[in-house]
Amino acid sequence: MAKKDMKKANWSGRFNEPVTELVKRFTASIVFDHKLGLHDIEGSLAHAEMLAAQKIITQKDLKAIQSGLQSIQKEILAGSFKWSIDLEDVHLNIEKRLTDKIGEAGKKLHTGRSRNDQVATDLRLWLRATIDETIQKIKTLQLSVVQLADKHQKTVMPGFTHLQIAQPVTFGHHLMAYYEMLQRDLTRFEDARKRMNQLPLGSAALAGTSYPIDRNKVAKKLKFDGLCENSIDAVSDRDFAIEFTFVASLLMTHLSRFSEELIMWSSPMFGFVEIADRFCTGSSIMPQKKNPDVPELVRGKTGRVTGHLMSLLMLMKAQPLAYNKDNQEDKEPLFDTANTILDVLTIYADMLKSISVNEKNMKEAALKGYATATDLADYLVIKGVAFRDAHEVVAKAVNAAIKKKCDLSELKIDELKKFSKVISSDVYSYLTLEGSIKSRNHIGGTSFEQVKKSIEKAKKRLKQ
């Protein structure tokens, strides 16, 4: 192919032959980075306004650029913009369309910048909006958690360690553990946003530009908190993408744990909860089955998001400064991570509203595992018995209850006294499930009073 046929590529002046069709497809990013189109226009409008203010381009050029970009923006929103793989990426597609619309003025827009700092800016604009949406969806999910917890402040259930019945808690208290996890996730997204919200534009390819640009003006226009202060770091940094994906992975890990419990609790072996039919499916061969597909898929998608984190870490691990084509591989894992967590957060909040709770089964399960054994030990300590001795006494009492196939609270006082003379009739107030729960009346404890306080605190925070 003659060199004159290579004008489609704006960098082709240096080359004597075009890339092959395979290489074109292999290197092009437009298939996925067109998602940045509106953010690319947003950044370009701010850049053009600064160029005009600095008298690098004329006001006439600025007006033409603004009119052209706004027209392209409408085309993208309407879905009528035609993306071309021949133009490689979102930037060149928009620039070509702009030049076709307004002529020579369109070619001046790229003054003082490079695709390297341009894509870094677009990504940060996109990610900032994504983080803001994620934070709102976390709050919506938290509200669903709190509302369910509020209904079950006094619903007794077994608390587990090692998946063995340990001590009685309330379902409300258990649910609020997930509220706390989500609150940490929320604050991590907020923190990541602060570090991400620095403007790279103006760093050009890697060394800045000789034009008298005003980066602070652009930062203010685009609502960045500050500037990336080293041009080399600005174009090569993808920490913000990695950090977002890490926080997303941790969020998914928390929801995977929640999903695991919902899966177990909804099985006939537990029978604690029932998830509404619209979040489940049946079996093609076993008509009695009701499969908790949504929580199972959330559990599965956790591996997908964590895999994206590993992908981004490996992407960056051996790159020399500054920008390298490798960085093009940052977008697909980042975009998919965002799509996944936004969908999961939305469906999870809706699913929790649908859950019905079998309070009877929960309480009966708490009675099966001698969940008040620790309370009996605490009772003996209050009576002056050393804890290690109390531990042995209670173990013997539990063995006796196992042989009689009854709960500790069902042993008669004479039977209990055989294990320790300090035991008296007041012991039964410690051996009931409700008594055990009420006794832990401190911040973070299981008492009905403390659970109510934690729920009210969460409600107040969610209204802010």
Protein backbone atom coordinates (compact mmCIF):
# COMPACT_ATOMS: atom_id res chain seq x y z
CA MET A 1 0.00 0.00 0.00
CA ALA A 2 1.36 3.41 -0.87
CA LYS A 3 2.18 5.82 1.86
CA LYS A 4 -0.50 8.22 0.62
CA ASP A 5 -3.08 5.59 1.59
CA MET A 6 -2.03 5.73 5.24
CA LYS A 7 -3.60 9.08 6.08
CA LYS A 8 -6.19 7.45 8.34
CA ALA A 9 -3.56 7.11 11.05
CA ASN A 10 -2.56 10.49 12.43
CA TRP A 11 0.87 9.13 13.37
CA SER A 12 1.62 7.56 9.95
CA GLY A 13 4.10 10.17 8.72
CA ARG A 14 7.02 8.21 10.16
CA PHE A 15 5.98 4.90 8.58
CA ASN A 16 6.38 3.42 5.09
CA GLU A 17 3.77 0.67 5.36
CA PRO A 18 0.50 0.26 7.21
CA VAL A 19 -0.16 -2.21 10.00
CA THR A 20 -1.83 -5.46 8.98
CA GLU A 21 -5.51 -6.05 9.64
CA LEU A 22 -4.61 -8.48 12.42
CA VAL A 23 -2.32 -5.97 14.12
CA LYS A 24 -4.98 -3.29 13.70
CA ARG A 25 -7.51 -5.44 15.54
CA PHE A 26 -4.94 -6.52 18.09
CA THR A 27 -3.84 -2.99 19.01
CA ALA A 28 -7.13 -1.12 18.73
CA SER A 29 -8.96 -0.30 21.96
CA ILE A 30 -12.11 1.29 20.54
CA VAL A 31 -14.09 -1.90 21.12
CA PHE A 32 -14.04 -1.15 24.84
CA ASP A 33 -12.71 2.39 25.41
CA HIS A 34 -15.64 4.02 23.59
CA LYS A 35 -17.17 3.88 27.09
CA LEU A 36 -14.98 6.92 27.82
CA GLY A 37 -16.49 9.00 25.01
CA LEU A 38 -18.50 11.47 27.07
CA HIS A 39 -15.63 11.90 29.54
CA ASP A 40 -13.22 12.48 26.65
CA ILE A 41 -15.45 15.31 25.44
CA GLU A 42 -15.70 16.73 28.95
CA GLY A 43 -11.91 16.83 29.25
CA SER A 44 -11.50 18.26 25.74
CA LEU A 45 -13.95 21.10 26.40
CA ALA A 46 -12.03 22.10 29.52
CA HIS A 47 -8.72 21.83 27.67
CA ALA A 48 -9.98 23.97 24.75
CA GLU A 49 -11.31 26.62 27.12
CA MET A 50 -7.90 26.83 28.78
CA LEU A 51 -6.08 27.02 25.44
CA ALA A 52 -8.24 29.99 24.44
CA ALA A 53 -7.80 31.72 27.81
CA GLN A 54 -4.04 31.34 27.40
CA LYS A 55 -4.30 32.69 23.81
CA ILE A 56 -2.87 29.45 22.41
CA ILE A 57 -5.94 29.18 20.18
CA THR A 58 -8.37 31.92 19.16
CA GLN A 59 -11.83 32.51 20.55
CA LYS A 60 -13.18 31.69 17.10
CA ASP A 61 -11.46 28.30 17.22
CA LEU A 62 -12.80 27.73 20.72
CA LYS A 63 -16.39 28.38 19.68
CA ALA A 64 -16.03 26.04 16.73
CA ILE A 65 -14.53 23.32 18.94
CA GLN A 66 -17.24 23.75 21.57
CA SER A 67 -20.00 23.57 18.98
CA GLY A 68 -18.45 20.51 17.33
CA LEU A 69 -17.86 18.62 20.56
CA GLN A 70 -21.37 19.35 21.82
CA SER A 71 -22.76 18.01 18.57
CA ILE A 72 -20.67 14.84 18.93
CA GLN A 73 -21.83 14.52 22.53
CA LYS A 74 -25.44 14.43 21.31
CA GLU A 75 -24.55 11.76 18.75
CA ILE A 76 -22.96 9.57 21.45
CA LEU A 77 -25.95 9.98 23.77
CA ALA A 78 -28.32 9.15 20.92
CA GLY A 79 -26.27 6.07 20.00
CA SER A 80 -25.74 7.30 16.45
CA PHE A 81 -21.99 7.95 16.67
CA LYS A 82 -20.11 5.51 14.43
CA TRP A 83 -16.99 4.17 16.13
CA SER A 84 -14.28 2.99 13.74
CA ILE A 85 -11.58 0.43 14.46
CA ASP A 86 -9.43 2.13 11.81
CA LEU A 87 -9.10 5.09 14.19
CA GLU A 88 -7.79 2.88 17.04
CA ASP A 89 -9.28 4.51 20.10
CA VAL A 90 -11.92 6.81 21.53
CA HIS A 91 -9.66 9.88 21.25
CA LEU A 92 -8.88 9.60 17.57
CA ASN A 93 -12.47 8.70 16.73
CA ILE A 94 -13.75 11.86 18.36
CA GLU A 95 -10.93 14.01 16.98
CA LYS A 96 -11.60 12.77 13.42
CA ARG A 97 -15.31 13.41 13.75
CA LEU A 98 -14.62 16.88 15.14
CA THR A 99 -12.31 17.75 12.26
CA ASP A 100 -14.87 16.49 9.76
CA LYS A 101 -17.45 18.77 11.37
CA ILE A 102 -15.49 22.01 11.90
CA GLY A 103 -12.40 21.68 9.73
CA GLU A 104 -8.99 23.15 10.63
CA ALA A 105 -10.00 24.29 14.12
CA GLY A 106 -10.54 20.65 15.10
CA LYS A 107 -6.88 19.89 14.49
CA LYS A 108 -5.84 22.52 17.04
CA LEU A 109 -7.60 20.85 19.97
CA HIS A 110 -4.71 18.45 20.57
CA THR A 111 -2.27 21.31 21.16
CA GLY A 112 -0.43 20.92 24.47
CA ARG A 113 -1.59 17.40 25.23
CA SER A 114 -1.00 13.77 24.26
CA ARG A 115 -3.19 10.71 24.21
CA ASN A 116 -1.14 9.60 27.19
CA ASP A 117 -2.35 12.33 29.54
CA GLN A 118 -5.70 12.45 27.77
CA VAL A 119 -6.59 8.83 28.53
CA ALA A 120 -5.31 9.15 32.10
CA THR A 121 -7.70 12.09 32.53
CA ASP A 122 -10.63 10.33 30.88
CA LEU A 123 -10.16 7.28 33.08
CA ARG A 124 -10.10 9.36 36.24
CA LEU A 125 -13.23 11.24 35.21
CA TRP A 126 -15.00 7.96 34.48
CA LEU A 127 -13.78 6.33 37.68
CA ARG A 128 -14.78 9.30 39.82
CA ALA A 129 -18.35 9.06 38.53
CA THR A 130 -18.27 5.29 39.04
CA ILE A 131 -17.07 5.62 42.62
CA ASP A 132 -19.80 8.16 43.38
CA GLU A 133 -22.42 5.76 42.01
CA THR A 134 -20.89 2.86 43.94
CA ILE A 135 -21.01 4.79 47.21
CA GLN A 136 -24.70 5.56 46.72
CA LYS A 137 -25.47 1.92 45.96
CA ILE A 138 -23.57 0.79 49.07
CA LYS A 139 -25.71 3.15 51.13
CA THR A 140 -28.85 1.69 49.55
CA LEU A 141 -27.68 -1.81 50.41
CA GLN A 142 -26.82 -0.73 53.95
CA LEU A 143 -30.36 0.60 54.31
CA SER A 144 -31.77 -2.79 53.29
CA VAL A 145 -29.51 -4.47 55.86
CA VAL A 146 -30.54 -2.05 58.60
CA GLN A 147 -34.25 -2.35 57.82
CA LEU A 148 -34.06 -6.15 58.04
CA ALA A 149 -32.03 -5.92 61.25
CA ASP A 150 -34.58 -3.51 62.70
CA LYS A 151 -37.34 -6.09 62.19
CA HIS A 152 -35.28 -8.72 63.97
CA GLN A 153 -33.64 -6.91 66.87
CA LYS A 154 -34.93 -9.58 69.25
CA THR A 155 -34.97 -12.61 66.95
CA VAL A 156 -32.77 -15.17 68.69
CA MET A 157 -30.42 -17.26 66.60
CA PRO A 158 -27.23 -19.24 67.22
CA GLY A 159 -23.93 -17.48 66.74
CA PHE A 160 -21.25 -19.68 65.21
CA THR A 161 -17.52 -20.17 65.35
CA HIS A 162 -15.97 -22.93 63.22
CA LEU A 163 -19.54 -23.34 61.94
CA GLN A 164 -20.36 -24.84 65.34
CA ILE A 165 -23.03 -23.34 67.58
CA ALA A 166 -21.16 -21.06 69.97
CA GLN A 167 -23.34 -18.49 71.77
CA PRO A 168 -26.80 -17.05 71.26
CA VAL A 169 -27.09 -13.76 69.37
CA THR A 170 -29.90 -12.00 67.58
CA PHE A 171 -30.44 -11.97 63.84
CA GLY A 172 -30.40 -8.19 64.04
CA HIS A 173 -26.96 -8.22 65.65
CA HIS A 174 -25.67 -10.68 63.06
CA LEU A 175 -26.94 -8.54 60.17
CA MET A 176 -25.35 -5.42 61.61
CA ALA A 177 -21.97 -7.11 61.26
CA TYR A 178 -22.46 -6.82 57.49
CA TYR A 179 -23.50 -3.20 57.87
CA GLU A 180 -20.14 -2.53 59.53
CA MET A 181 -18.25 -4.31 56.74
CA LEU A 182 -20.10 -2.26 54.15
CA GLN A 183 -19.32 0.92 56.07
CA ARG A 184 -15.61 0.14 55.87
CA ASP A 185 -16.00 -0.55 52.15
CA LEU A 186 -17.75 2.78 51.71
CA THR A 187 -14.98 4.72 53.45
CA ARG A 188 -12.33 2.89 51.41
CA PHE A 189 -14.04 4.01 48.19
CA GLU A 190 -14.15 7.55 49.56
CA ASP A 191 -10.44 7.42 50.37
CA ALA A 192 -9.60 5.98 46.94
CA ARG A 193 -11.56 8.81 45.33
CA LYS A 194 -9.42 11.41 47.10
CA ARG A 195 -6.17 9.93 45.82
CA MET A 196 -7.59 9.44 42.33
CA ASN A 197 -9.02 12.95 41.96
CA GLN A 198 -5.82 14.62 40.75
CA LEU A 199 -5.50 15.99 37.21
CA PRO A 200 -2.88 14.44 34.88
CA LEU A 201 -3.81 16.56 31.84
CA GLY A 202 -0.99 18.91 30.83
CA SER A 203 1.68 16.25 31.33
CA ALA A 204 1.46 15.55 27.58
CA ALA A 205 3.38 12.45 26.44
CA LEU A 206 5.62 12.34 29.53
CA ALA A 207 7.58 15.60 29.87
CA GLY A 208 4.91 18.29 29.90
CA THR A 209 4.57 20.88 27.15
CA SER A 210 6.34 24.06 26.08
CA TYR A 211 3.02 25.87 25.57
CA PRO A 212 2.02 28.32 28.35
CA ILE A 213 -0.84 26.15 29.66
CA ASP A 214 -2.73 26.67 32.93
CA ARG A 215 -3.27 23.25 34.49
CA ASN A 216 -4.97 24.66 37.57
CA LYS A 217 -7.65 26.23 35.39
CA VAL A 218 -8.41 22.86 33.81
CA ALA A 219 -8.40 21.12 37.22
CA LYS A 220 -10.91 23.62 38.58
CA LYS A 221 -13.15 23.28 35.54
CA LEU A 222 -13.16 19.48 35.80
CA LYS A 223 -13.54 19.55 39.62
CA PHE A 224 -10.26 17.83 40.39
CA ASP A 225 -8.87 18.45 43.86
CA GLY A 226 -5.35 19.09 42.59
CA LEU A 227 -2.70 18.25 40.03
CA CYS A 228 -0.52 15.22 39.40
CA GLU A 229 2.79 16.95 40.14
CA ASN A 230 5.20 14.79 38.17
CA SER A 231 4.54 14.50 34.46
CA ILE A 232 6.18 11.07 34.14
CA ASP A 233 4.17 9.63 37.00
CA ALA A 234 0.99 11.30 35.75
CA VAL A 235 0.89 9.44 32.43
CA SER A 236 2.13 6.08 33.71
CA ASP A 237 0.26 5.83 37.01
CA ARG A 238 -2.54 3.29 37.28
CA ASP A 239 -2.56 3.07 41.06
CA PHE A 240 -6.06 4.51 41.08
CA ALA A 241 -7.35 1.65 38.91
CA ILE A 242 -5.62 -0.96 41.07
CA GLU A 243 -6.88 0.62 44.29
CA PHE A 244 -10.44 0.76 43.01
CA THR A 245 -10.29 -2.89 42.00
CA PHE A 246 -8.80 -3.84 45.37
CA VAL A 247 -11.57 -2.07 47.27
CA ALA A 248 -14.11 -3.67 44.94
CA SER A 249 -12.55 -7.09 45.64
CA LEU A 250 -12.88 -6.56 49.37
CA LEU A 251 -16.49 -5.44 48.95
CA MET A 252 -17.19 -8.58 46.94
CA THR A 253 -15.44 -10.71 49.57
CA HIS A 254 -17.81 -9.34 52.21
CA LEU A 255 -20.84 -9.99 50.03
CA SER A 256 -19.52 -13.46 49.23
CA ARG A 257 -19.44 -14.27 52.95
CA PHE A 258 -22.98 -12.95 53.29
CA SER A 259 -23.99 -15.03 50.27
CA GLU A 260 -22.50 -18.17 51.76
CA GLU A 261 -24.64 -17.70 54.87
CA LEU A 262 -27.79 -16.99 52.87
CA ILE A 263 -27.15 -20.15 50.85
CA MET A 264 -26.80 -22.23 54.02
CA TRP A 265 -29.63 -20.53 55.89
CA SER A 266 -32.06 -21.03 53.00
CA SER A 267 -31.37 -24.78 52.77
CA PRO A 268 -33.81 -27.19 54.49
CA MET A 269 -30.95 -28.24 56.80
CA PHE A 270 -31.12 -24.79 58.42
CA GLY A 271 -34.46 -23.36 57.33
CA PHE A 272 -33.62 -19.95 58.78
CA VAL A 273 -34.61 -17.79 55.81
CA GLU A 274 -36.42 -17.97 52.51
CA ILE A 275 -35.35 -15.91 49.52
CA ALA A 276 -38.15 -14.76 47.22
CA ASP A 277 -38.73 -16.87 44.11
CA ARG A 278 -37.66 -14.07 41.76
CA PHE A 279 -34.09 -14.41 42.99
CA CYS A 280 -33.98 -18.20 42.65
CA THR A 281 -34.34 -20.87 39.98
CA GLY A 282 -35.47 -24.47 39.88
CA SER A 283 -33.91 -27.69 38.69
CA SER A 284 -34.47 -29.15 35.23
CA ILE A 285 -34.74 -32.64 36.73
CA MET A 286 -35.65 -32.25 40.42
CA PRO A 287 -38.99 -30.43 40.74
CA GLN A 288 -38.67 -29.85 44.48
CA LYS A 289 -35.52 -27.73 44.18
CA LYS A 290 -35.31 -23.99 44.80
CA ASN A 291 -31.77 -22.86 44.09
CA PRO A 292 -30.38 -19.59 45.55
CA ASP A 293 -28.82 -18.53 42.26
CA VAL A 294 -28.26 -14.87 43.08
CA PRO A 295 -26.12 -15.39 46.19
CA GLU A 296 -24.32 -18.27 44.46
CA LEU A 297 -23.44 -16.04 41.51
CA VAL A 298 -22.29 -13.26 43.82
CA ARG A 299 -20.02 -15.77 45.51
CA GLY A 300 -18.73 -16.82 42.08
CA LYS A 301 -18.29 -13.31 40.74
CA THR A 302 -16.08 -12.51 43.71
CA GLY A 303 -13.39 -14.63 42.06
CA ARG A 304 -13.92 -12.72 38.83
CA VAL A 305 -13.33 -9.33 40.48
CA THR A 306 -10.36 -10.56 42.50
CA GLY A 307 -8.94 -11.94 39.25
CA HIS A 308 -9.18 -8.48 37.72
CA LEU A 309 -7.17 -7.12 40.66
CA MET A 310 -4.45 -9.68 40.02
CA SER A 311 -4.54 -8.82 36.31
CA LEU A 312 -3.95 -5.13 36.97
CA LEU A 313 -1.15 -5.80 39.45
CA MET A 314 0.60 -8.05 36.95
CA LEU A 315 -0.01 -5.50 34.19
CA MET A 316 1.98 -2.86 36.04
CA LYS A 317 4.64 -4.94 37.77
CA ALA A 318 7.39 -4.74 35.12
CA GLN A 319 6.65 -1.55 33.25
CA PRO A 320 9.45 0.99 32.95
CA LEU A 321 8.50 4.66 33.06
CA ALA A 322 6.65 6.25 31.43
CA TYR A 323 3.62 5.20 29.33
CA ASN A 324 3.62 1.82 27.58
CA LYS A 325 1.04 0.20 25.31
CA ASP A 326 0.52 -2.41 28.05
CA ASN A 327 -1.58 0.19 29.83
CA GLN A 328 -4.30 -0.26 27.26
CA GLU A 329 -5.04 -3.53 29.07
CA ASP A 330 -6.17 -1.63 32.18
CA LYS A 331 -9.63 -0.82 30.87
CA GLU A 332 -11.39 -4.14 30.38
CA PRO A 333 -10.74 -5.45 33.91
CA LEU A 334 -11.55 -2.03 35.34
CA PHE A 335 -14.78 -1.66 33.38
CA ASP A 336 -15.89 -5.20 34.15
CA THR A 337 -15.15 -4.74 37.84
CA ALA A 338 -17.32 -1.65 37.92
CA ASN A 339 -20.16 -3.29 35.99
CA THR A 340 -20.04 -6.30 38.30
CA ILE A 341 -20.13 -4.48 41.63
CA LEU A 342 -22.81 -2.03 40.50
CA ASP A 343 -25.06 -4.90 39.40
CA VAL A 344 -24.35 -6.90 42.55
CA LEU A 345 -25.06 -3.98 44.87
CA THR A 346 -28.34 -3.24 43.09
CA ILE A 347 -29.65 -6.79 43.12
CA TYR A 348 -28.46 -7.51 46.66
CA ALA A 349 -30.33 -4.53 48.12
CA ASP A 350 -33.51 -5.70 46.39
CA MET A 351 -33.01 -9.32 47.41
CA LEU A 352 -32.64 -8.53 51.12
CA LYS A 353 -36.01 -6.78 51.07
CA SER A 354 -37.57 -10.04 49.88
CA ILE A 355 -36.20 -12.30 52.61
CA SER A 356 -38.60 -13.91 55.07
CA VAL A 357 -37.25 -15.22 58.37
CA ASN A 358 -38.26 -18.37 60.27
CA GLU A 359 -37.80 -17.16 63.84
CA LYS A 360 -38.92 -20.50 65.31
CA ASN A 361 -36.23 -22.47 63.48
CA MET A 362 -33.57 -19.97 64.47
CA LYS A 363 -34.43 -20.20 68.16
CA GLU A 364 -34.68 -23.98 68.13
CA ALA A 365 -31.24 -24.16 66.51
CA ALA A 366 -29.80 -21.96 69.26
CA LEU A 367 -31.09 -24.45 71.84
CA LYS A 368 -29.36 -27.40 70.20
CA GLY A 369 -25.74 -26.58 70.79
CA TYR A 370 -25.55 -25.65 74.49
CA ALA A 371 -25.06 -22.05 73.46
CA THR A 372 -25.34 -20.81 77.06
CA ALA A 373 -22.40 -22.89 78.32
CA THR A 374 -20.15 -19.84 78.40
CA ASP A 375 -22.79 -18.02 80.45
CA LEU A 376 -22.69 -20.80 83.04
CA ALA A 377 -18.91 -20.42 83.18
CA ASP A 378 -19.28 -16.66 83.63
CA TYR A 379 -21.80 -17.29 86.39
CA LEU A 380 -19.32 -19.49 88.26
CA VAL A 381 -16.58 -16.86 87.89
CA ILE A 382 -18.91 -14.25 89.40
CA LYS A 383 -19.38 -16.67 92.31
CA GLY A 384 -15.61 -16.77 92.86
CA VAL A 385 -14.56 -19.80 90.82
CA ALA A 386 -11.39 -19.42 88.73
CA PHE A 387 -12.25 -19.38 85.02
CA ARG A 388 -10.19 -22.48 84.16
CA ASP A 389 -11.93 -24.42 86.94
CA ALA A 390 -15.29 -23.05 85.81
CA HIS A 391 -14.52 -24.20 82.27
CA GLU A 392 -14.04 -27.78 83.50
CA VAL A 393 -17.20 -27.68 85.61
CA VAL A 394 -19.30 -26.54 82.65
CA ALA A 395 -17.80 -29.20 80.37
CA LYS A 396 -18.96 -31.84 82.84
CA ALA A 397 -22.42 -30.24 83.04
CA VAL A 398 -22.68 -30.25 79.24
CA ASN A 399 -21.75 -33.94 79.13
CA ALA A 400 -24.50 -34.64 81.63
CA ALA A 401 -27.02 -32.70 79.54
CA ILE A 402 -25.92 -34.57 76.41
CA LYS A 403 -26.53 -37.90 78.14
CA LYS A 404 -29.98 -36.75 79.26
CA LYS A 405 -30.65 -35.25 75.81
CA CYS A 406 -31.71 -31.95 77.32
CA ASP A 407 -30.56 -28.34 77.46
CA LEU A 408 -28.41 -26.99 80.31
CA SER A 409 -31.39 -24.94 81.48
CA GLU A 410 -33.39 -28.17 81.81
CA LEU A 411 -30.99 -29.74 84.33
CA LYS A 412 -32.42 -29.63 87.86
CA ILE A 413 -30.69 -27.56 90.51
CA ASP A 414 -29.61 -30.66 92.43
CA GLU A 415 -27.97 -32.01 89.31
CA LEU A 416 -26.12 -28.76 88.69
CA LYS A 417 -24.94 -28.56 92.31
CA LYS A 418 -23.14 -31.87 91.84
CA PHE A 419 -20.68 -30.04 89.60
CA SER A 420 -20.18 -27.02 91.88
CA LYS A 421 -21.51 -26.15 95.31
CA VAL A 422 -21.65 -22.42 94.49
CA ILE A 423 -24.49 -22.95 92.04
CA SER A 424 -27.89 -21.83 93.31
CA SER A 425 -31.34 -21.26 91.81
CA ASP A 426 -30.35 -17.86 90.40
CA VAL A 427 -28.29 -19.74 87.79
CA TYR A 428 -31.34 -20.19 85.52
CA SER A 429 -31.45 -16.50 84.64
CA TYR A 430 -28.02 -17.06 83.03
CA LEU A 431 -28.94 -20.27 81.21
CA THR A 432 -31.81 -18.96 79.07
CA LEU A 433 -31.08 -17.71 75.57
CA GLU A 434 -32.63 -14.32 76.31
CA GLY A 435 -30.72 -14.01 79.58
CA SER A 436 -27.46 -14.75 77.82
CA ILE A 437 -28.15 -12.14 75.17
CA LYS A 438 -29.25 -9.45 77.64
CA SER A 439 -26.15 -9.94 79.80
CA ARG A 440 -23.83 -8.63 77.09
CA ASN A 441 -24.93 -5.05 77.47
CA HIS A 442 -21.93 -3.09 76.26
CA ILE A 443 -20.95 -1.33 73.03
CA GLY A 444 -20.71 -4.01 70.38
CA GLY A 445 -22.55 -6.54 72.54
CA THR A 446 -25.57 -8.68 71.71
CA SER A 447 -28.10 -7.22 74.15
CA PHE A 448 -31.37 -6.01 72.70
CA GLU A 449 -30.57 -2.53 73.97
CA GLN A 450 -27.18 -2.42 72.25
CA VAL A 451 -28.54 -3.81 68.98
CA LYS A 452 -31.23 -1.14 68.98
CA LYS A 453 -28.62 1.57 69.58
CA SER A 454 -26.43 0.33 66.75
CA ILE A 455 -29.40 0.29 64.38
CA GLU A 456 -30.46 3.80 65.35
CA LYS A 457 -26.90 5.04 64.89
CA ALA A 458 -26.77 3.47 61.44
CA LYS A 459 -30.11 5.00 60.45
CA LYS A 460 -28.88 8.43 61.49
CA ARG A 461 -25.65 8.00 59.51
CA LEU A 462 -27.53 6.90 56.39
CA LYS A 463 -29.69 10.05 56.49
CA GLN A 464 -26.62 12.33 56.39
